[in-house]
Amino acid sequence: MASSASMESMPADDLGDDSALDANIVAALPTGSQTHSVAPSGESIWVHTVKIEARNGDHGTGAFFKKSAPGDTAYSMLKGAFEAENALYEFVPEYVPRPVSFGTYMTRSDLHFYICEFVDMVDEVPSPAAWAGAAAALHKRSMWPTGMFGFHCTTHVADVLIDNTWDSSWEAVWTHQMKSLLRQDEVLHGLDEEYCELQATFLNVVIPRYLRPLETNGRSISPCLVHSSLWPDNIKPRTDSDAVSELGICRNPHYRLGMSYIEEYLKQGMPISEPVEDFDTRNAIYAMKYHVLLSLIYHQDPVFRQIAIKEMKQLVEQVAHPVLN
């Protein structure tokens, strides 16, 4: 995993007016673009970020957002970001900054970059209605009839690898994705016997109990694109419109979203899948992904792993001692 120390040691781009950019970055910008200025933009532990203002490109005067980082993990992160953003932009261009390019610096073969259009955004959480409209639009427009769940390349949340292996079963996809995250968590934190026992029950009992019914007894669900990190820092409103750039994340208190967001999503013509009575528990299962992700991303703070263990224990106990209606 990347660290703030590695980012601090990474050479920054030349900043200021008429800055000199790496030749491969210049080539990645729209034909004829001439750099006007390069300035820091945003903060990140994992990547170096700048705003590039250019002129005389195919799109006229414009601004671009570039993030870069060194190493093999960074290559995978930025390639995944480019592929994922392209997929999102195909279906909901009004909500996604236009992807421009992904590549490697000419002057440093270990340094990689991703470029998209620069969009001014308001630093506030979007309303439930705005968030739900964006999420529902993506899910409705991107449904495809292949019957396969997954993605064609590895993606990351922060610097954590997400296993997107294709499978025709939603239960299977969720199981191997959770297995991958839990393996990464064990490598980082070490073995915890109680947690291992909980994981075995979660993977082999809890997930089948609540996700398998979605695809049995004549039921089916349609694959579609989902944005796996719709937390407030990734969904700020644009300054030039009301547009904002899966429901499990709404259930995680760390992300400052809540039931009002789920309720608005359901109003967008997105019905609850049968069995309806399992809806809340299914979302609790999906939320486990984000509990484990936080345990990985903020691994220096043990509280996040403790929360993940607590939440998983509650799900395991719910299966062992179900509440009868």
Protein backbone atom coordinates (compact mmCIF):
# COMPACT_ATOMS: atom_id res chain seq x y z
CA MET A 1 0.00 0.00 0.00
CA ALA A 2 1.08 3.55 -0.70
CA SER A 3 1.87 5.89 2.14
CA SER A 4 2.04 9.62 2.72
CA ALA A 5 5.80 9.24 3.03
CA SER A 6 6.09 7.82 -0.49
CA MET A 7 3.94 10.68 -1.80
CA GLU A 8 6.13 13.29 -0.11
CA SER A 9 9.22 11.80 -1.78
CA MET A 10 7.64 11.85 -5.24
CA PRO A 11 8.80 14.76 -7.42
CA ALA A 12 5.95 17.20 -8.01
CA ASP A 13 5.12 18.68 -11.39
CA ASP A 14 6.60 22.01 -12.35
CA LEU A 15 4.11 24.55 -10.97
CA GLY A 16 3.22 28.05 -12.07
CA ASP A 17 2.48 29.87 -15.32
CA ASP A 18 3.80 28.43 -18.61
CA SER A 19 5.00 25.35 -16.71
CA ALA A 20 6.88 22.57 -18.46
CA LEU A 21 5.02 19.26 -18.35
CA ASP A 22 6.29 15.78 -19.13
CA ALA A 23 6.08 15.08 -22.87
CA ASN A 24 3.65 12.19 -22.41
CA ILE A 25 1.26 14.39 -20.43
CA VAL A 26 1.41 17.06 -23.13
CA ALA A 27 0.67 14.38 -25.74
CA ALA A 28 -2.28 13.11 -23.68
CA LEU A 29 -3.99 16.51 -23.66
CA PRO A 30 -6.28 17.49 -26.57
CA THR A 31 -4.35 18.14 -29.78
CA GLY A 32 -2.75 21.55 -29.87
CA SER A 33 -3.08 22.25 -26.15
CA GLN A 34 -0.52 24.63 -24.74
CA THR A 35 -0.01 24.69 -20.98
CA HIS A 36 -1.07 27.97 -19.43
CA SER A 37 -0.54 27.10 -15.77
CA VAL A 38 -0.18 24.19 -13.35
CA ALA A 39 -1.34 24.50 -9.74
CA PRO A 40 -1.93 22.15 -6.78
CA SER A 41 -5.52 20.94 -6.54
CA GLY A 42 -7.03 18.93 -3.72
CA GLU A 43 -5.33 16.61 -1.26
CA SER A 44 -4.68 12.88 -1.35
CA ILE A 45 -2.58 10.40 0.59
CA TRP A 46 -2.17 8.15 -2.43
CA VAL A 47 -1.68 10.43 -5.44
CA HIS A 48 -0.24 13.83 -6.32
CA THR A 49 -2.94 16.09 -7.78
CA VAL A 50 -2.77 19.24 -9.92
CA LYS A 51 -5.00 21.44 -12.06
CA ILE A 52 -3.70 22.10 -15.57
CA GLU A 53 -5.06 25.10 -17.44
CA ALA A 54 -4.52 24.84 -21.19
CA ARG A 55 -5.44 26.81 -24.31
CA ASN A 56 -5.74 26.23 -28.06
CA GLY A 57 -6.83 22.60 -27.71
CA ASP A 58 -9.56 20.86 -29.72
CA HIS A 59 -11.95 21.87 -26.95
CA GLY A 60 -10.73 25.47 -26.78
CA THR A 61 -9.42 26.87 -23.54
CA GLY A 62 -9.97 24.29 -20.83
CA ALA A 63 -8.88 22.98 -17.48
CA PHE A 64 -7.81 19.44 -16.63
CA PHE A 65 -7.32 17.52 -13.39
CA LYS A 66 -4.32 15.20 -13.19
CA LYS A 67 -3.36 12.71 -10.54
CA SER A 68 -0.11 10.78 -10.55
CA ALA A 69 1.77 8.29 -8.39
CA PRO A 70 4.76 5.93 -8.65
CA GLY A 71 4.93 2.14 -8.66
CA ASP A 72 3.04 -0.93 -9.81
CA THR A 73 0.11 -0.38 -7.44
CA ALA A 74 -0.25 3.17 -8.72
CA TYR A 75 -0.28 1.90 -12.32
CA SER A 76 -3.14 -0.46 -11.46
CA MET A 77 -4.98 2.25 -9.48
CA LEU A 78 -4.82 4.85 -12.23
CA LYS A 79 -5.55 2.41 -15.06
CA GLY A 80 -8.58 1.17 -13.11
CA ALA A 81 -9.70 4.75 -12.50
CA PHE A 82 -9.48 5.56 -16.21
CA GLU A 83 -11.37 2.43 -17.29
CA ALA A 84 -14.04 2.84 -14.60
CA GLU A 85 -14.55 6.56 -15.28
CA ASN A 86 -14.87 5.85 -19.00
CA ALA A 87 -17.57 3.29 -18.26
CA LEU A 88 -19.42 5.70 -15.97
CA TYR A 89 -19.10 8.58 -18.43
CA GLU A 90 -20.65 6.47 -21.19
CA PHE A 91 -23.91 6.20 -19.26
CA VAL A 92 -24.07 9.29 -17.01
CA PRO A 93 -21.87 11.99 -18.59
CA GLU A 94 -23.74 14.72 -16.73
CA TYR A 95 -22.45 13.33 -13.42
CA VAL A 96 -18.87 12.36 -14.29
CA PRO A 97 -15.87 14.52 -15.28
CA ARG A 98 -14.88 13.56 -18.84
CA PRO A 99 -11.91 11.12 -18.77
CA VAL A 100 -9.04 12.24 -21.00
CA SER A 101 -6.10 9.87 -20.69
CA PHE A 102 -4.07 7.40 -18.66
CA GLY A 103 -0.36 6.77 -19.12
CA THR A 104 3.21 6.81 -17.88
CA TYR A 105 5.67 9.70 -17.71
CA MET A 106 8.31 9.75 -20.44
CA THR A 107 10.94 10.98 -18.00
CA ARG A 108 10.13 8.36 -15.34
CA SER A 109 9.00 4.90 -16.33
CA ASP A 110 7.75 4.19 -12.78
CA LEU A 111 5.52 7.29 -12.57
CA HIS A 112 1.96 7.08 -13.90
CA PHE A 113 -0.91 9.53 -14.42
CA TYR A 114 -4.64 9.86 -15.03
CA ILE A 115 -6.18 12.99 -16.56
CA CYS A 116 -9.81 14.11 -16.72
CA GLU A 117 -11.59 17.41 -17.26
CA PHE A 118 -11.45 19.76 -14.29
CA VAL A 119 -14.86 20.43 -12.73
CA ASP A 120 -15.46 23.06 -10.06
CA MET A 121 -17.45 21.54 -7.20
CA VAL A 122 -19.05 22.77 -4.01
CA ASP A 123 -17.54 21.32 -0.83
CA GLU A 124 -20.78 19.99 0.63
CA VAL A 125 -22.76 16.76 0.74
CA PRO A 126 -25.46 16.61 -1.97
CA SER A 127 -29.10 16.40 -0.98
CA PRO A 128 -30.69 12.94 -0.75
CA ALA A 129 -32.74 13.68 -3.90
CA ALA A 130 -29.67 14.76 -5.92
CA TRP A 131 -27.63 11.77 -4.77
CA ALA A 132 -30.45 9.32 -5.44
CA GLY A 133 -31.11 10.78 -8.88
CA ALA A 134 -27.49 10.27 -9.90
CA ALA A 135 -27.25 6.73 -8.50
CA ALA A 136 -30.57 5.64 -10.01
CA ALA A 137 -29.69 7.12 -13.42
CA LEU A 138 -26.46 5.12 -13.47
CA HIS A 139 -28.13 1.88 -12.42
CA LYS A 140 -31.02 2.20 -14.89
CA ARG A 141 -29.01 3.25 -17.93
CA SER A 142 -26.12 0.81 -17.50
CA MET A 143 -28.04 -2.46 -17.20
CA TRP A 144 -26.69 -4.96 -19.70
CA PRO A 145 -28.13 -8.31 -20.81
CA THR A 146 -24.97 -10.44 -20.57
CA GLY A 147 -25.97 -11.87 -17.19
CA MET A 148 -22.39 -11.47 -15.94
CA PHE A 149 -21.30 -9.50 -12.89
CA GLY A 150 -17.80 -8.03 -12.66
CA PHE A 151 -15.56 -5.64 -14.56
CA HIS A 152 -12.91 -6.07 -17.22
CA CYS A 153 -10.02 -4.78 -15.11
CA THR A 154 -8.90 -4.46 -11.50
CA THR A 155 -10.06 -1.33 -9.70
CA HIS A 156 -9.18 0.17 -6.34
CA VAL A 157 -10.84 2.08 -3.53
CA ALA A 158 -8.02 4.35 -2.36
CA ASP A 159 -5.07 1.97 -2.74
CA VAL A 160 -7.03 -1.18 -1.87
CA LEU A 161 -7.42 -3.72 -4.68
CA ILE A 162 -10.97 -4.77 -5.59
CA ASP A 163 -11.43 -8.21 -7.16
CA ASN A 164 -13.75 -7.77 -10.16
CA THR A 165 -13.57 -11.34 -11.51
CA TRP A 166 -16.52 -12.11 -13.79
CA ASP A 167 -19.24 -14.50 -12.62
CA SER A 168 -22.87 -15.12 -13.51
CA SER A 169 -23.84 -15.25 -9.81
CA TRP A 170 -24.18 -12.12 -7.69
CA GLU A 171 -23.64 -14.23 -4.58
CA ALA A 172 -20.40 -15.63 -5.99
CA VAL A 173 -19.11 -12.21 -7.03
CA TRP A 174 -19.79 -10.75 -3.60
CA THR A 175 -18.22 -13.76 -1.88
CA HIS A 176 -14.92 -13.69 -3.76
CA GLN A 177 -14.75 -9.89 -3.49
CA MET A 178 -15.16 -10.09 0.28
CA LYS A 179 -12.65 -12.96 0.49
CA SER A 180 -10.10 -10.82 -1.34
CA LEU A 181 -10.60 -7.86 0.99
CA LEU A 182 -10.46 -10.01 4.11
CA ARG A 183 -7.23 -11.65 2.90
CA GLN A 184 -5.71 -8.21 2.42
CA ASP A 185 -6.89 -7.23 5.89
CA GLU A 186 -5.24 -10.29 7.45
CA VAL A 187 -1.94 -9.60 5.67
CA LEU A 188 -1.98 -6.04 6.97
CA HIS A 189 -3.24 -6.64 10.52
CA GLY A 190 -2.23 -10.22 11.23
CA LEU A 191 -4.27 -13.27 12.19
CA ASP A 192 -7.18 -12.91 14.62
CA GLU A 193 -8.74 -16.27 15.52
CA GLU A 194 -12.14 -14.87 16.52
CA TYR A 195 -12.33 -12.78 13.37
CA CYS A 196 -11.38 -15.81 11.23
CA GLU A 197 -14.24 -17.82 12.72
CA LEU A 198 -16.67 -14.96 12.10
CA GLN A 199 -15.45 -14.64 8.51
CA ALA A 200 -16.03 -18.34 7.82
CA THR A 201 -19.64 -18.07 8.99
CA PHE A 202 -20.15 -14.76 7.19
CA LEU A 203 -18.87 -16.15 3.88
CA ASN A 204 -20.39 -19.63 4.07
CA VAL A 205 -23.66 -18.99 5.90
CA VAL A 206 -24.65 -15.31 6.04
CA ILE A 207 -24.00 -14.40 2.40
CA PRO A 208 -25.77 -17.49 0.99
CA ARG A 209 -28.70 -17.00 3.37
CA TYR A 210 -29.40 -13.43 2.25
CA LEU A 211 -28.00 -13.09 -1.29
CA ARG A 212 -28.89 -16.48 -2.80
CA PRO A 213 -32.67 -15.85 -2.61
CA LEU A 214 -32.18 -12.95 -5.05
CA GLU A 215 -31.39 -15.52 -7.76
CA THR A 216 -33.51 -18.55 -6.84
CA ASN A 217 -37.18 -19.56 -7.04
CA GLY A 218 -37.57 -17.79 -10.37
CA ARG A 219 -35.99 -14.54 -9.22
CA SER A 220 -33.14 -12.78 -11.01
CA ILE A 221 -31.23 -9.52 -10.84
CA SER A 222 -29.74 -7.58 -13.76
CA PRO A 223 -26.06 -6.58 -13.81
CA CYS A 224 -25.38 -2.84 -14.01
CA LEU A 225 -22.55 -0.46 -13.22
CA VAL A 226 -22.23 0.58 -9.59
CA HIS A 227 -19.94 3.23 -8.15
CA SER A 228 -18.24 1.53 -5.22
CA SER A 229 -17.18 4.69 -3.40
CA LEU A 230 -20.09 7.13 -3.30
CA TRP A 231 -18.91 8.84 -0.13
CA PRO A 232 -19.17 12.64 0.31
CA ASP A 233 -15.67 13.48 -1.01
CA ASN A 234 -16.58 11.74 -4.29
CA ILE A 235 -20.08 13.14 -4.80
CA LYS A 236 -19.87 16.90 -4.43
CA PRO A 237 -22.32 19.11 -6.36
CA ARG A 238 -21.02 20.99 -9.42
CA THR A 239 -20.87 24.78 -9.18
CA ASP A 240 -22.44 25.20 -12.64
CA SER A 241 -25.51 22.97 -12.11
CA ASP A 242 -27.47 20.91 -9.57
CA ALA A 243 -25.78 17.70 -10.74
CA VAL A 244 -23.63 15.68 -8.39
CA SER A 245 -20.51 14.08 -9.50
CA GLU A 246 -24.90 1.33 -3.97
CA LEU A 247 -26.90 1.68 -0.97
CA GLY A 248 -24.61 -0.22 1.43
CA ILE A 249 -22.52 2.92 1.74
CA CYS A 250 -25.56 4.83 3.04
CA ARG A 251 -25.69 2.45 5.97
CA ASN A 252 -22.10 3.14 7.04
CA PRO A 253 -22.04 6.07 9.53
CA HIS A 254 -18.50 7.05 8.48
CA TYR A 255 -19.86 8.37 5.19
CA ARG A 256 -22.47 10.76 6.63
CA LEU A 257 -25.24 9.37 4.43
CA GLY A 258 -28.27 7.65 5.88
CA MET A 259 -31.76 6.25 5.48
CA SER A 260 -33.06 9.42 3.79
CA TYR A 261 -30.73 8.66 0.87
CA ILE A 262 -32.04 5.10 0.59
CA GLU A 263 -35.64 6.34 0.75
CA GLU A 264 -35.01 8.85 -2.05
CA TYR A 265 -33.34 6.15 -4.14
CA LEU A 266 -36.42 3.93 -3.86
CA LYS A 267 -38.57 6.86 -5.03
CA GLN A 268 -36.60 6.89 -8.29
CA GLY A 269 -38.42 3.80 -9.53
CA MET A 270 -35.88 1.37 -8.06
CA PRO A 271 -38.04 -1.24 -6.28
CA ILE A 272 -36.80 -3.37 -3.42
CA SER A 273 -35.83 -6.83 -4.64
CA GLU A 274 -37.60 -9.86 -3.23
CA PRO A 275 -37.48 -11.08 -0.53
CA VAL A 276 -38.40 -7.58 0.67
CA GLU A 277 -38.05 -8.61 4.31
CA ASP A 278 -34.31 -9.21 3.77
CA PHE A 279 -33.67 -5.72 2.41
CA ASP A 280 -32.06 -4.19 5.50
CA THR A 281 -29.88 -7.23 6.18
CA ARG A 282 -28.71 -7.32 2.56
CA ASN A 283 -27.62 -3.70 2.91
CA ALA A 284 -25.83 -4.58 6.15
CA ILE A 285 -23.95 -7.28 4.20
CA TYR A 286 -23.04 -4.78 1.49
CA ALA A 287 -21.93 -2.31 4.17
CA MET A 288 -19.42 -4.90 5.43
CA LYS A 289 -17.36 -4.18 2.32
CA TYR A 290 -16.91 -0.59 3.47
CA HIS A 291 -16.19 -1.55 7.07
CA VAL A 292 -13.36 -3.79 5.83
CA LEU A 293 -12.18 -1.14 3.38
CA LEU A 294 -11.91 1.40 6.19
CA SER A 295 -9.99 -1.14 8.26
CA LEU A 296 -7.52 -1.38 5.35
CA ILE A 297 -7.36 2.27 4.35
CA TYR A 298 -6.97 3.56 7.91
CA HIS A 299 -5.03 0.56 9.16
CA GLN A 300 -3.05 2.59 11.68
CA ASP A 301 -6.23 3.22 13.67
CA PRO A 302 -7.43 -0.05 15.27
CA VAL A 303 -10.94 1.30 15.83
CA PHE A 304 -11.92 0.63 12.20
CA ARG A 305 -11.05 -3.06 12.42
CA GLN A 306 -12.91 -3.29 15.72
CA ILE A 307 -15.98 -1.82 14.03
CA ALA A 308 -15.70 -4.34 11.17
CA ILE A 309 -15.50 -7.23 13.65
CA LYS A 310 -18.46 -5.88 15.63
CA GLU A 311 -20.64 -5.48 12.52
CA MET A 312 -19.76 -8.93 11.21
CA LYS A 313 -20.49 -10.48 14.60
CA GLN A 314 -23.95 -8.90 14.59
CA LEU A 315 -24.71 -10.43 11.18
CA VAL A 316 -23.47 -13.85 12.27
CA GLU A 317 -25.56 -13.70 15.45
CA GLN A 318 -28.60 -12.65 13.43
CA VAL A 319 -28.39 -15.84 11.40
CA ALA A 320 -27.77 -17.96 14.49
CA HIS A 321 -30.64 -16.34 16.40
CA PRO A 322 -33.15 -15.01 13.84
CA VAL A 323 -35.98 -12.78 15.00
CA LEU A 324 -39.30 -14.32 13.98
CA ASN A 325 -41.97 -11.96 12.66
